[in-house]
Amino acid sequence: MPADPAPLELPDDQREAGGWELVEGSVETLFELPGVRVRGTMRRYEDERTRAALRAATGGAIDHQLRFVATTRLGFEPSLPPGTMPAMLLPTLLPEARHSFADRLRDRGLTDVSREGTERIRGGSRTRIRLTRYRATDPMPGATWELPLECWLAVWPADPVAVVTAGYPATSLASRFDLDTGEPSLTRGPNDYRDAFLSLLRALA
């Protein structure tokens, strides 16, 4: 049986800059293709700094995950035939990865999950990253307002193939929850979140 791939860890500087804390790690079968199981070594991080800031600003009324990022390296069981390059697999892997990501968002309680579009960017090592953008709504149990989210699936043909998923508020938290605050983590907007996510991707790829 082939060994599962090593995890794709966030660089220390990115973890500090983003307030990311590791909250979950797992190795599991993600989906199956003809004749092969696709295994994933996953790490899930949450932005605990922003969560703490919103909790403090609302007097403890809102204590909820607001932003996440998860990294996965893919392995195959049995091993792929010699000469099979990671890039050859993307046309088959992408539809499965998109379907799996949308299902996971719904499983975590998000609603109105919809795929919005695709694009490509270059990573820090000039790797071509394929991005799929989603919209979703977090019902925010216990809060007065729902929270719109922008979510992403990023895939690139490293060896092993790498997948990064993320979600963040599609609005300023201060404006969404009517907060009178100058706290930077609560006043930043969706463009700031998007820029931070793309910076993280380029650091990983």
N, C-alpha and C. Protein backbone atom coordinates (compact mmCIF):
# COMPACT_ATOMS: atom_id res chain seq x y z
N MET A 1 0.84 -1.19 0.00
CA MET A 1 0.00 0.00 0.00
C MET A 1 0.88 1.25 0.00
N PRO A 2 0.66 2.21 -0.92
CA PRO A 2 1.49 3.42 -0.96
C PRO A 2 1.26 4.28 0.27
N ALA A 3 2.30 4.97 0.70
CA ALA A 3 2.19 5.85 1.86
C ALA A 3 1.35 7.07 1.52
N ASP A 4 0.56 7.55 2.48
CA ASP A 4 -0.20 8.79 2.27
C ASP A 4 0.78 9.96 2.22
N PRO A 5 0.46 10.98 1.42
CA PRO A 5 1.39 12.12 1.29
C PRO A 5 1.51 12.91 2.59
N ALA A 6 2.64 13.58 2.73
CA ALA A 6 2.84 14.46 3.88
C ALA A 6 1.90 15.65 3.79
N PRO A 7 1.52 16.25 4.92
CA PRO A 7 0.59 17.39 4.88
C PRO A 7 1.24 18.62 4.26
N LEU A 8 0.42 19.48 3.72
CA LEU A 8 0.84 20.78 3.21
C LEU A 8 0.57 21.80 4.31
N GLU A 9 1.62 22.20 5.00
CA GLU A 9 1.48 23.09 6.15
C GLU A 9 1.58 24.56 5.73
N LEU A 10 0.86 25.43 6.44
CA LEU A 10 0.99 26.85 6.19
C LEU A 10 2.36 27.34 6.68
N PRO A 11 3.03 28.19 5.90
CA PRO A 11 4.29 28.77 6.38
C PRO A 11 4.06 29.59 7.66
N ASP A 12 5.06 29.62 8.52
CA ASP A 12 4.92 30.30 9.80
C ASP A 12 4.53 31.77 9.65
N ASP A 13 5.11 32.47 8.66
CA ASP A 13 4.80 33.89 8.51
C ASP A 13 3.35 34.09 8.08
N GLN A 14 2.83 33.18 7.26
CA GLN A 14 1.44 33.27 6.85
C GLN A 14 0.49 32.94 8.01
N ARG A 15 0.87 31.99 8.83
CA ARG A 15 0.04 31.66 9.99
C ARG A 15 -0.06 32.85 10.93
N GLU A 16 1.06 33.51 11.17
CA GLU A 16 1.07 34.66 12.07
C GLU A 16 0.28 35.82 11.47
N ALA A 17 0.51 36.10 10.18
CA ALA A 17 -0.16 37.23 9.54
C ALA A 17 -1.67 37.04 9.49
N GLY A 18 -2.11 35.81 9.29
CA GLY A 18 -3.53 35.56 9.14
C GLY A 18 -4.26 35.20 10.41
N GLY A 19 -3.53 35.05 11.51
CA GLY A 19 -4.17 34.62 12.75
C GLY A 19 -4.67 33.19 12.69
N TRP A 20 -4.02 32.37 11.84
CA TRP A 20 -4.50 31.01 11.62
C TRP A 20 -4.08 30.06 12.73
N GLU A 21 -5.02 29.23 13.16
CA GLU A 21 -4.72 28.17 14.11
C GLU A 21 -5.21 26.84 13.53
N LEU A 22 -4.37 25.82 13.66
CA LEU A 22 -4.74 24.49 13.19
C LEU A 22 -5.84 23.92 14.08
N VAL A 23 -6.95 23.52 13.46
CA VAL A 23 -8.08 23.01 14.24
C VAL A 23 -8.43 21.56 13.89
N GLU A 24 -7.90 21.06 12.78
CA GLU A 24 -8.25 19.70 12.38
C GLU A 24 -7.21 19.14 11.42
N GLY A 25 -6.89 17.88 11.58
CA GLY A 25 -6.02 17.17 10.65
C GLY A 25 -6.55 15.78 10.43
N SER A 26 -6.52 15.31 9.20
CA SER A 26 -7.06 13.98 8.92
C SER A 26 -6.44 13.43 7.64
N VAL A 27 -6.56 12.12 7.50
CA VAL A 27 -6.18 11.42 6.27
C VAL A 27 -7.36 10.52 5.93
N GLU A 28 -7.91 10.66 4.74
CA GLU A 28 -9.11 9.90 4.39
C GLU A 28 -9.23 9.74 2.88
N THR A 29 -10.10 8.83 2.48
CA THR A 29 -10.43 8.67 1.08
C THR A 29 -11.43 9.76 0.71
N LEU A 30 -11.08 10.58 -0.28
CA LEU A 30 -11.93 11.71 -0.66
C LEU A 30 -12.99 11.30 -1.68
N PHE A 31 -12.57 10.54 -2.68
CA PHE A 31 -13.48 10.03 -3.69
C PHE A 31 -12.77 8.94 -4.45
N GLU A 32 -13.51 8.27 -5.31
CA GLU A 32 -12.95 7.17 -6.08
C GLU A 32 -13.11 7.43 -7.57
N LEU A 33 -12.06 7.12 -8.31
CA LEU A 33 -12.06 7.16 -9.77
C LEU A 33 -11.97 5.72 -10.26
N PRO A 34 -12.22 5.47 -11.54
CA PRO A 34 -12.13 4.09 -12.04
C PRO A 34 -10.77 3.45 -11.72
N GLY A 35 -10.80 2.44 -10.86
CA GLY A 35 -9.60 1.68 -10.55
C GLY A 35 -8.68 2.29 -9.52
N VAL A 36 -9.05 3.43 -8.92
CA VAL A 36 -8.12 4.07 -7.98
C VAL A 36 -8.90 4.88 -6.94
N ARG A 37 -8.44 4.82 -5.67
CA ARG A 37 -8.97 5.67 -4.61
C ARG A 37 -8.10 6.91 -4.51
N VAL A 38 -8.73 8.06 -4.35
CA VAL A 38 -8.00 9.31 -4.15
C VAL A 38 -8.00 9.63 -2.66
N ARG A 39 -6.81 9.60 -2.07
CA ARG A 39 -6.63 9.84 -0.64
C ARG A 39 -6.17 11.28 -0.42
N GLY A 40 -6.55 11.83 0.71
CA GLY A 40 -6.15 13.19 1.02
C GLY A 40 -5.59 13.33 2.41
N THR A 41 -4.44 13.98 2.52
CA THR A 41 -3.88 14.37 3.81
C THR A 41 -4.23 15.83 4.01
N MET A 42 -5.13 16.12 4.97
CA MET A 42 -5.72 17.44 5.10
C MET A 42 -5.33 18.13 6.40
N ARG A 43 -5.25 19.44 6.31
CA ARG A 43 -5.08 20.29 7.47
C ARG A 43 -6.06 21.45 7.34
N ARG A 44 -6.83 21.71 8.40
CA ARG A 44 -7.82 22.79 8.39
C ARG A 44 -7.43 23.83 9.43
N TYR A 45 -7.45 25.09 9.01
CA TYR A 45 -7.09 26.21 9.89
C TYR A 45 -8.26 27.19 9.96
N GLU A 46 -8.41 27.84 11.11
CA GLU A 46 -9.41 28.89 11.28
C GLU A 46 -8.74 30.16 11.77
N ASP A 47 -9.34 31.29 11.43
CA ASP A 47 -8.84 32.60 11.83
C ASP A 47 -9.36 32.91 13.24
N GLU A 48 -8.60 32.50 14.22
CA GLU A 48 -9.02 32.68 15.61
C GLU A 48 -8.89 34.13 16.06
N ARG A 49 -8.00 34.89 15.43
CA ARG A 49 -7.82 36.29 15.82
C ARG A 49 -9.09 37.11 15.51
N THR A 50 -9.63 36.92 14.31
CA THR A 50 -10.84 37.66 13.94
C THR A 50 -12.03 37.18 14.75
N ARG A 51 -12.09 35.89 14.99
CA ARG A 51 -13.19 35.35 15.81
C ARG A 51 -13.17 35.98 17.20
N ALA A 52 -11.99 36.07 17.80
CA ALA A 52 -11.87 36.66 19.13
C ALA A 52 -12.25 38.14 19.12
N ALA A 53 -11.87 38.85 18.05
CA ALA A 53 -12.19 40.28 17.95
C ALA A 53 -13.70 40.49 17.85
N LEU A 54 -14.40 39.66 17.07
CA LEU A 54 -15.84 39.80 16.94
C LEU A 54 -16.54 39.39 18.25
N ARG A 55 -16.01 38.39 18.91
CA ARG A 55 -16.58 37.97 20.20
C ARG A 55 -16.48 39.11 21.20
N ALA A 56 -15.33 39.77 21.24
CA ALA A 56 -15.14 40.87 22.18
C ALA A 56 -16.03 42.07 21.83
N ALA A 57 -16.15 42.36 20.52
CA ALA A 57 -16.92 43.52 20.08
C ALA A 57 -18.42 43.34 20.31
N THR A 58 -18.87 42.10 20.39
CA THR A 58 -20.30 41.83 20.60
C THR A 58 -20.59 41.36 22.02
N GLY A 59 -19.63 41.53 22.90
CA GLY A 59 -19.84 41.14 24.29
C GLY A 59 -20.11 39.66 24.45
N GLY A 60 -19.52 38.86 23.56
CA GLY A 60 -19.67 37.42 23.62
C GLY A 60 -20.91 36.89 22.91
N ALA A 61 -21.70 37.78 22.30
CA ALA A 61 -22.94 37.34 21.66
C ALA A 61 -22.68 36.53 20.40
N ILE A 62 -21.59 36.84 19.69
CA ILE A 62 -21.25 36.11 18.47
C ILE A 62 -19.88 35.47 18.65
N ASP A 63 -19.85 34.18 18.68
CA ASP A 63 -18.61 33.42 18.80
C ASP A 63 -18.69 32.31 17.75
N HIS A 64 -18.18 32.60 16.58
CA HIS A 64 -18.46 31.73 15.43
C HIS A 64 -17.28 31.76 14.47
N GLN A 65 -17.04 30.64 13.81
CA GLN A 65 -16.02 30.62 12.77
C GLN A 65 -16.40 31.61 11.67
N LEU A 66 -15.39 32.39 11.21
CA LEU A 66 -15.65 33.42 10.21
C LEU A 66 -14.85 33.21 8.94
N ARG A 67 -13.67 32.64 9.09
CA ARG A 67 -12.78 32.48 7.94
C ARG A 67 -11.98 31.20 8.13
N PHE A 68 -11.84 30.43 7.06
CA PHE A 68 -11.10 29.17 7.16
C PHE A 68 -10.24 28.98 5.92
N VAL A 69 -9.25 28.15 6.07
CA VAL A 69 -8.46 27.67 4.94
C VAL A 69 -8.08 26.23 5.24
N ALA A 70 -8.11 25.39 4.22
CA ALA A 70 -7.74 23.99 4.39
C ALA A 70 -6.81 23.58 3.25
N THR A 71 -5.80 22.81 3.59
CA THR A 71 -4.84 22.33 2.60
C THR A 71 -4.92 20.82 2.51
N THR A 72 -4.74 20.31 1.31
CA THR A 72 -4.79 18.87 1.08
C THR A 72 -3.74 18.48 0.05
N ARG A 73 -3.03 17.42 0.35
CA ARG A 73 -2.19 16.77 -0.67
C ARG A 73 -2.84 15.43 -1.02
N LEU A 74 -2.88 15.14 -2.32
CA LEU A 74 -3.57 13.95 -2.79
C LEU A 74 -2.61 12.79 -3.02
N GLY A 75 -3.05 11.61 -2.63
CA GLY A 75 -2.35 10.37 -2.92
C GLY A 75 -3.30 9.40 -3.61
N PHE A 76 -2.76 8.34 -4.18
CA PHE A 76 -3.57 7.42 -4.97
C PHE A 76 -3.31 5.98 -4.54
N GLU A 77 -4.38 5.24 -4.44
CA GLU A 77 -4.30 3.85 -4.00
C GLU A 77 -5.10 2.97 -4.97
N PRO A 78 -4.42 2.11 -5.77
CA PRO A 78 -2.97 1.87 -5.81
C PRO A 78 -2.23 3.04 -6.48
N SER A 79 -0.91 2.99 -6.42
CA SER A 79 -0.10 4.03 -7.03
C SER A 79 -0.38 4.14 -8.52
N LEU A 80 -0.21 5.35 -9.04
CA LEU A 80 -0.43 5.57 -10.47
C LEU A 80 0.67 4.91 -11.29
N PRO A 81 0.38 4.55 -12.53
CA PRO A 81 1.38 3.91 -13.38
C PRO A 81 2.59 4.82 -13.60
N PRO A 82 3.78 4.24 -13.76
CA PRO A 82 4.98 5.05 -14.05
C PRO A 82 4.74 5.93 -15.27
N GLY A 83 5.24 7.14 -15.20
CA GLY A 83 5.10 8.07 -16.32
C GLY A 83 3.85 8.90 -16.30
N THR A 84 2.94 8.65 -15.33
CA THR A 84 1.73 9.46 -15.22
C THR A 84 2.07 10.76 -14.50
N MET A 85 1.95 11.88 -15.21
CA MET A 85 2.29 13.17 -14.63
C MET A 85 1.07 13.77 -13.94
N PRO A 86 1.28 14.52 -12.82
CA PRO A 86 0.14 15.10 -12.11
C PRO A 86 -0.79 15.93 -12.99
N ALA A 87 -0.20 16.71 -13.93
CA ALA A 87 -1.03 17.57 -14.78
C ALA A 87 -2.01 16.75 -15.62
N MET A 88 -1.67 15.50 -15.93
CA MET A 88 -2.56 14.65 -16.73
C MET A 88 -3.86 14.35 -15.99
N LEU A 89 -3.84 14.45 -14.67
CA LEU A 89 -4.98 14.03 -13.86
C LEU A 89 -6.01 15.14 -13.66
N LEU A 90 -5.61 16.39 -13.89
CA LEU A 90 -6.50 17.50 -13.53
C LEU A 90 -7.86 17.46 -14.22
N PRO A 91 -7.96 17.14 -15.51
CA PRO A 91 -9.29 17.10 -16.11
C PRO A 91 -10.24 16.12 -15.43
N THR A 92 -9.68 15.06 -14.84
CA THR A 92 -10.51 14.08 -14.12
C THR A 92 -10.72 14.50 -12.68
N LEU A 93 -9.69 15.05 -12.04
CA LEU A 93 -9.78 15.39 -10.63
C LEU A 93 -10.63 16.63 -10.36
N LEU A 94 -10.57 17.62 -11.25
CA LEU A 94 -11.25 18.89 -10.97
C LEU A 94 -12.76 18.75 -10.76
N PRO A 95 -13.48 18.05 -11.65
CA PRO A 95 -14.93 17.93 -11.41
C PRO A 95 -15.25 17.25 -10.08
N GLU A 96 -14.47 16.22 -9.72
CA GLU A 96 -14.70 15.54 -8.45
C GLU A 96 -14.38 16.46 -7.27
N ALA A 97 -13.29 17.21 -7.38
CA ALA A 97 -12.91 18.12 -6.29
C ALA A 97 -13.96 19.22 -6.11
N ARG A 98 -14.49 19.74 -7.21
CA ARG A 98 -15.52 20.78 -7.12
C ARG A 98 -16.79 20.24 -6.46
N HIS A 99 -17.18 19.07 -6.88
CA HIS A 99 -18.39 18.46 -6.30
C HIS A 99 -18.19 18.19 -4.81
N SER A 100 -17.03 17.66 -4.44
CA SER A 100 -16.73 17.34 -3.05
C SER A 100 -16.69 18.60 -2.19
N PHE A 101 -16.11 19.69 -2.71
CA PHE A 101 -16.01 20.93 -1.94
C PHE A 101 -17.40 21.52 -1.69
N ALA A 102 -18.24 21.56 -2.71
CA ALA A 102 -19.59 22.10 -2.53
C ALA A 102 -20.35 21.28 -1.49
N ASP A 103 -20.20 19.96 -1.54
CA ASP A 103 -20.87 19.10 -0.55
C ASP A 103 -20.37 19.39 0.86
N ARG A 104 -19.06 19.60 1.00
CA ARG A 104 -18.50 19.87 2.33
C ARG A 104 -19.01 21.20 2.89
N LEU A 105 -19.16 22.20 2.02
CA LEU A 105 -19.71 23.47 2.48
C LEU A 105 -21.13 23.29 3.01
N ARG A 106 -21.92 22.54 2.28
CA ARG A 106 -23.30 22.28 2.73
C ARG A 106 -23.31 21.46 4.02
N ASP A 107 -22.40 20.48 4.11
CA ASP A 107 -22.35 19.65 5.32
C ASP A 107 -22.00 20.47 6.55
N ARG A 108 -21.29 21.57 6.36
CA ARG A 108 -20.93 22.43 7.48
C ARG A 108 -22.01 23.46 7.79
N GLY A 109 -23.16 23.32 7.15
CA GLY A 109 -24.29 24.17 7.48
C GLY A 109 -24.47 25.39 6.61
N LEU A 110 -23.62 25.59 5.60
CA LEU A 110 -23.77 26.75 4.72
C LEU A 110 -24.93 26.52 3.75
N THR A 111 -25.56 27.61 3.36
CA THR A 111 -26.69 27.54 2.44
C THR A 111 -26.39 28.37 1.19
N ASP A 112 -27.27 28.24 0.19
CA ASP A 112 -27.15 29.02 -1.05
C ASP A 112 -25.77 28.86 -1.69
N VAL A 113 -25.23 27.66 -1.64
CA VAL A 113 -23.90 27.40 -2.22
C VAL A 113 -24.02 27.38 -3.74
N SER A 114 -23.27 28.23 -4.40
CA SER A 114 -23.32 28.29 -5.86
C SER A 114 -21.93 28.56 -6.43
N ARG A 115 -21.64 27.93 -7.55
CA ARG A 115 -20.37 28.14 -8.24
C ARG A 115 -20.47 29.38 -9.11
N GLU A 116 -19.48 30.29 -8.97
CA GLU A 116 -19.56 31.59 -9.63
C GLU A 116 -18.64 31.73 -10.83
N GLY A 117 -17.54 31.01 -10.89
CA GLY A 117 -16.63 31.18 -12.01
C GLY A 117 -15.29 30.54 -11.76
N THR A 118 -14.42 30.59 -12.76
CA THR A 118 -13.09 30.02 -12.66
C THR A 118 -12.06 31.01 -13.19
N GLU A 119 -10.82 30.84 -12.73
CA GLU A 119 -9.71 31.65 -13.22
C GLU A 119 -8.41 30.91 -12.94
N ARG A 120 -7.32 31.49 -13.44
CA ARG A 120 -6.00 30.90 -13.20
C ARG A 120 -5.04 31.99 -12.78
N ILE A 121 -4.14 31.63 -11.85
CA ILE A 121 -3.07 32.53 -11.46
C ILE A 121 -1.77 31.74 -11.40
N ARG A 122 -0.67 32.45 -11.29
CA ARG A 122 0.64 31.82 -11.12
C ARG A 122 1.04 31.84 -9.66
N GLY A 123 1.54 30.70 -9.17
CA GLY A 123 2.05 30.63 -7.81
C GLY A 123 3.44 31.22 -7.72
N GLY A 124 3.99 31.23 -6.51
CA GLY A 124 5.31 31.81 -6.31
C GLY A 124 6.41 31.11 -7.08
N SER A 125 6.23 29.83 -7.37
CA SER A 125 7.22 29.09 -8.17
C SER A 125 6.81 28.99 -9.63
N ARG A 126 5.87 29.87 -10.04
CA ARG A 126 5.36 29.93 -11.42
C ARG A 126 4.43 28.77 -11.73
N THR A 127 4.04 28.02 -10.73
CA THR A 127 3.05 26.97 -10.92
C THR A 127 1.72 27.59 -11.31
N ARG A 128 1.03 26.97 -12.24
CA ARG A 128 -0.29 27.48 -12.64
C ARG A 128 -1.36 26.89 -11.73
N ILE A 129 -2.06 27.77 -11.02
CA ILE A 129 -3.11 27.37 -10.08
C ILE A 129 -4.47 27.57 -10.73
N ARG A 130 -5.31 26.55 -10.66
CA ARG A 130 -6.67 26.65 -11.17
C ARG A 130 -7.62 26.94 -10.01
N LEU A 131 -8.37 28.03 -10.15
CA LEU A 131 -9.24 28.50 -9.08
C LEU A 131 -10.71 28.40 -9.50
N THR A 132 -11.53 27.96 -8.58
CA THR A 132 -12.98 27.98 -8.76
C THR A 132 -13.58 28.77 -7.61
N ARG A 133 -14.42 29.76 -7.94
CA ARG A 133 -15.00 30.64 -6.94
C ARG A 133 -16.45 30.24 -6.65
N TYR A 134 -16.82 30.30 -5.38
CA TYR A 134 -18.18 29.97 -4.95
C TYR A 134 -18.72 31.10 -4.08
N ARG A 135 -20.03 31.19 -4.03
CA ARG A 135 -20.73 32.03 -3.06
C ARG A 135 -21.51 31.12 -2.12
N ALA A 136 -21.64 31.53 -0.87
CA ALA A 136 -22.41 30.76 0.10
C ALA A 136 -22.89 31.71 1.19
N THR A 137 -23.80 31.21 1.99
CA THR A 137 -24.33 31.99 3.11
C THR A 137 -24.17 31.19 4.39
N ASP A 138 -23.62 31.84 5.42
CA ASP A 138 -23.53 31.22 6.74
C ASP A 138 -24.71 31.72 7.57
N PRO A 139 -25.62 30.83 7.98
CA PRO A 139 -26.79 31.27 8.76
C PRO A 139 -26.44 31.87 10.12
N MET A 140 -25.22 31.66 10.59
CA MET A 140 -24.76 32.23 11.86
C MET A 140 -25.75 31.97 12.99
N PRO A 141 -25.92 30.72 13.40
CA PRO A 141 -26.86 30.41 14.49
C PRO A 141 -26.60 31.27 15.71
N GLY A 142 -27.65 31.87 16.23
CA GLY A 142 -27.53 32.71 17.40
C GLY A 142 -27.33 34.18 17.09
N ALA A 143 -27.04 34.52 15.82
CA ALA A 143 -26.85 35.91 15.44
C ALA A 143 -28.11 36.42 14.74
N THR A 144 -28.23 37.75 14.66
CA THR A 144 -29.40 38.35 14.02
C THR A 144 -29.31 38.31 12.51
N TRP A 145 -28.07 38.41 11.98
CA TRP A 145 -27.88 38.48 10.54
C TRP A 145 -27.13 37.25 10.03
N GLU A 146 -27.45 36.87 8.82
CA GLU A 146 -26.65 35.87 8.12
C GLU A 146 -25.39 36.54 7.58
N LEU A 147 -24.37 35.73 7.23
CA LEU A 147 -23.11 36.26 6.74
C LEU A 147 -22.82 35.69 5.35
N PRO A 148 -22.76 36.55 4.32
CA PRO A 148 -22.38 36.07 2.99
C PRO A 148 -20.89 35.74 2.94
N LEU A 149 -20.55 34.68 2.25
CA LEU A 149 -19.16 34.24 2.15
C LEU A 149 -18.74 34.12 0.69
N GLU A 150 -17.47 34.37 0.46
CA GLU A 150 -16.82 34.02 -0.81
C GLU A 150 -15.90 32.84 -0.51
N CYS A 151 -16.03 31.78 -1.29
CA CYS A 151 -15.26 30.56 -1.04
C CYS A 151 -14.49 30.18 -2.30
N TRP A 152 -13.38 29.48 -2.10
CA TRP A 152 -12.50 29.14 -3.22
C TRP A 152 -12.02 27.70 -3.12
N LEU A 153 -11.85 27.12 -4.29
CA LEU A 153 -11.16 25.84 -4.45
C LEU A 153 -9.98 26.10 -5.38
N ALA A 154 -8.78 25.79 -4.93
CA ALA A 154 -7.57 25.98 -5.73
C ALA A 154 -6.87 24.64 -5.89
N VAL A 155 -6.46 24.32 -7.12
CA VAL A 155 -5.80 23.04 -7.41
C VAL A 155 -4.60 23.32 -8.29
N TRP A 156 -3.48 22.66 -7.99
CA TRP A 156 -2.34 22.76 -8.91
C TRP A 156 -1.59 21.43 -8.95
N PRO A 157 -0.95 21.16 -10.11
CA PRO A 157 -0.34 19.84 -10.33
C PRO A 157 1.06 19.71 -9.76
N ALA A 158 1.17 19.87 -8.44
CA ALA A 158 2.45 19.57 -7.80
C ALA A 158 2.61 18.06 -7.74
N ASP A 159 3.70 17.60 -7.18
CA ASP A 159 3.89 16.17 -7.00
C ASP A 159 4.09 15.92 -5.51
N PRO A 160 3.05 15.61 -4.73
CA PRO A 160 1.70 15.25 -5.18
C PRO A 160 0.83 16.46 -5.50
N VAL A 161 -0.31 16.20 -6.15
CA VAL A 161 -1.28 17.25 -6.46
C VAL A 161 -1.72 17.93 -5.16
N ALA A 162 -1.82 19.27 -5.21
CA ALA A 162 -2.19 20.04 -4.02
C ALA A 162 -3.55 20.70 -4.22
N VAL A 163 -4.32 20.76 -3.16
CA VAL A 163 -5.64 21.40 -3.16
C VAL A 163 -5.72 22.31 -1.94
N VAL A 164 -6.17 23.53 -2.15
CA VAL A 164 -6.41 24.46 -1.05
C VAL A 164 -7.83 24.98 -1.18
N THR A 165 -8.58 24.96 -0.09
CA THR A 165 -9.92 25.53 -0.06
C THR A 165 -9.97 26.62 0.99
N ALA A 166 -10.88 27.57 0.80
CA ALA A 166 -10.95 28.69 1.73
C ALA A 166 -12.32 29.33 1.68
N GLY A 167 -12.66 30.03 2.74
CA GLY A 167 -13.88 30.82 2.79
C GLY A 167 -13.67 32.01 3.70
N TYR A 168 -14.24 33.15 3.33
CA TYR A 168 -14.10 34.36 4.14
C TYR A 168 -15.31 35.26 3.91
N PRO A 169 -15.55 36.23 4.80
CA PRO A 169 -16.71 37.10 4.66
C PRO A 169 -16.66 37.90 3.35
N ALA A 170 -17.81 38.02 2.71
CA ALA A 170 -17.91 38.81 1.48
C ALA A 170 -18.35 40.24 1.79
N THR A 171 -18.12 40.66 3.02
CA THR A 171 -18.47 42.00 3.47
C THR A 171 -17.65 42.33 4.70
N SER A 172 -17.59 43.58 5.06
CA SER A 172 -16.96 43.97 6.31
C SER A 172 -17.80 43.49 7.49
N LEU A 173 -17.15 42.90 8.48
CA LEU A 173 -17.88 42.44 9.66
C LEU A 173 -18.46 43.60 10.45
N ALA A 174 -17.74 44.71 10.51
CA ALA A 174 -18.23 45.87 11.24
C ALA A 174 -19.53 46.39 10.64
N SER A 175 -19.59 46.47 9.31
CA SER A 175 -20.81 46.95 8.68
C SER A 175 -21.92 45.91 8.74
N ARG A 176 -21.56 44.64 8.60
CA ARG A 176 -22.60 43.60 8.60
C ARG A 176 -23.29 43.48 9.95
N PHE A 177 -22.51 43.63 11.02
CA PHE A 177 -23.08 43.47 12.36
C PHE A 177 -23.27 44.81 13.08
N ASP A 178 -23.18 45.89 12.31
CA ASP A 178 -23.46 47.24 12.82
C ASP A 178 -22.63 47.54 14.07
N LEU A 179 -21.30 47.41 13.90
CA LEU A 179 -20.38 47.61 15.02
C LEU A 179 -19.68 48.96 14.89
N ASP A 180 -19.59 49.69 15.97
CA ASP A 180 -18.85 50.94 16.01
C ASP A 180 -17.44 50.62 16.49
N THR A 181 -16.56 50.29 15.55
CA THR A 181 -15.22 49.85 15.90
C THR A 181 -14.24 50.22 14.80
N GLY A 182 -13.00 50.45 15.22
CA GLY A 182 -11.92 50.67 14.27
C GLY A 182 -10.96 49.50 14.21
N GLU A 183 -11.34 48.38 14.85
CA GLU A 183 -10.49 47.19 14.86
C GLU A 183 -10.25 46.72 13.43
N PRO A 184 -8.97 46.67 12.97
CA PRO A 184 -8.70 46.32 11.57
C PRO A 184 -9.27 44.98 11.13
N SER A 185 -9.26 44.00 12.01
CA SER A 185 -9.76 42.68 11.60
C SER A 185 -11.27 42.68 11.39
N LEU A 186 -11.95 43.71 11.90
CA LEU A 186 -13.40 43.79 11.75
C LEU A 186 -13.83 44.77 10.68
N THR A 187 -12.94 45.66 10.27
CA THR A 187 -13.30 46.67 9.26
C THR A 187 -12.80 46.33 7.86
N ARG A 188 -11.94 45.32 7.71
CA ARG A 188 -11.45 45.00 6.38
C ARG A 188 -12.59 44.45 5.52
N GLY A 189 -12.45 44.69 4.21
CA GLY A 189 -13.49 44.30 3.28
C GLY A 189 -13.13 43.07 2.48
N PRO A 190 -14.01 42.66 1.56
CA PRO A 190 -13.78 41.44 0.79
C PRO A 190 -12.53 41.48 -0.07
N ASN A 191 -12.17 42.66 -0.58
CA ASN A 191 -10.94 42.75 -1.38
C ASN A 191 -9.71 42.46 -0.52
N ASP A 192 -9.74 42.90 0.73
CA ASP A 192 -8.62 42.62 1.64
C ASP A 192 -8.52 41.12 1.91
N TYR A 193 -9.66 40.48 2.15
CA TYR A 193 -9.66 39.04 2.38
C TYR A 193 -9.15 38.30 1.14
N ARG A 194 -9.61 38.73 -0.04
CA ARG A 194 -9.21 38.06 -1.27
C ARG A 194 -7.70 38.20 -1.50
N ASP A 195 -7.18 39.40 -1.28
CA ASP A 195 -5.74 39.62 -1.46
C ASP A 195 -4.93 38.74 -0.51
N ALA A 196 -5.40 38.61 0.73
CA ALA A 196 -4.70 37.77 1.70
C ALA A 196 -4.73 36.31 1.27
N PHE A 197 -5.85 35.86 0.74
CA PHE A 197 -5.96 34.48 0.29
C PHE A 197 -5.01 34.23 -0.89
N LEU A 198 -4.97 35.14 -1.85
CA LEU A 198 -4.09 34.94 -3.01
C LEU A 198 -2.62 34.97 -2.60
N SER A 199 -2.29 35.83 -1.64
CA SER A 199 -0.93 35.86 -1.11
C SER A 199 -0.56 34.52 -0.48
N LEU A 200 -1.49 33.95 0.27
CA LEU A 200 -1.26 32.65 0.90
C LEU A 200 -1.06 31.57 -0.16
N LEU A 201 -1.89 31.58 -1.19
CA LEU A 201 -1.75 30.60 -2.26
C LEU A 201 -0.37 30.66 -2.90
N ARG A 202 0.09 31.86 -3.20
CA ARG A 202 1.38 32.02 -3.86
C ARG A 202 2.53 31.58 -2.97
N ALA A 203 2.34 31.67 -1.66
CA ALA A 203 3.35 31.20 -0.73
C ALA A 203 3.40 29.68 -0.68
N LEU A 204 2.27 29.02 -0.97
CA LEU A 204 2.19 27.58 -0.91
C LEU A 204 2.59 26.90 -2.22
N ALA A 205 2.32 27.55 -3.34
CA ALA A 205 2.48 26.92 -4.65
C ALA A 205 3.85 27.17 -5.26
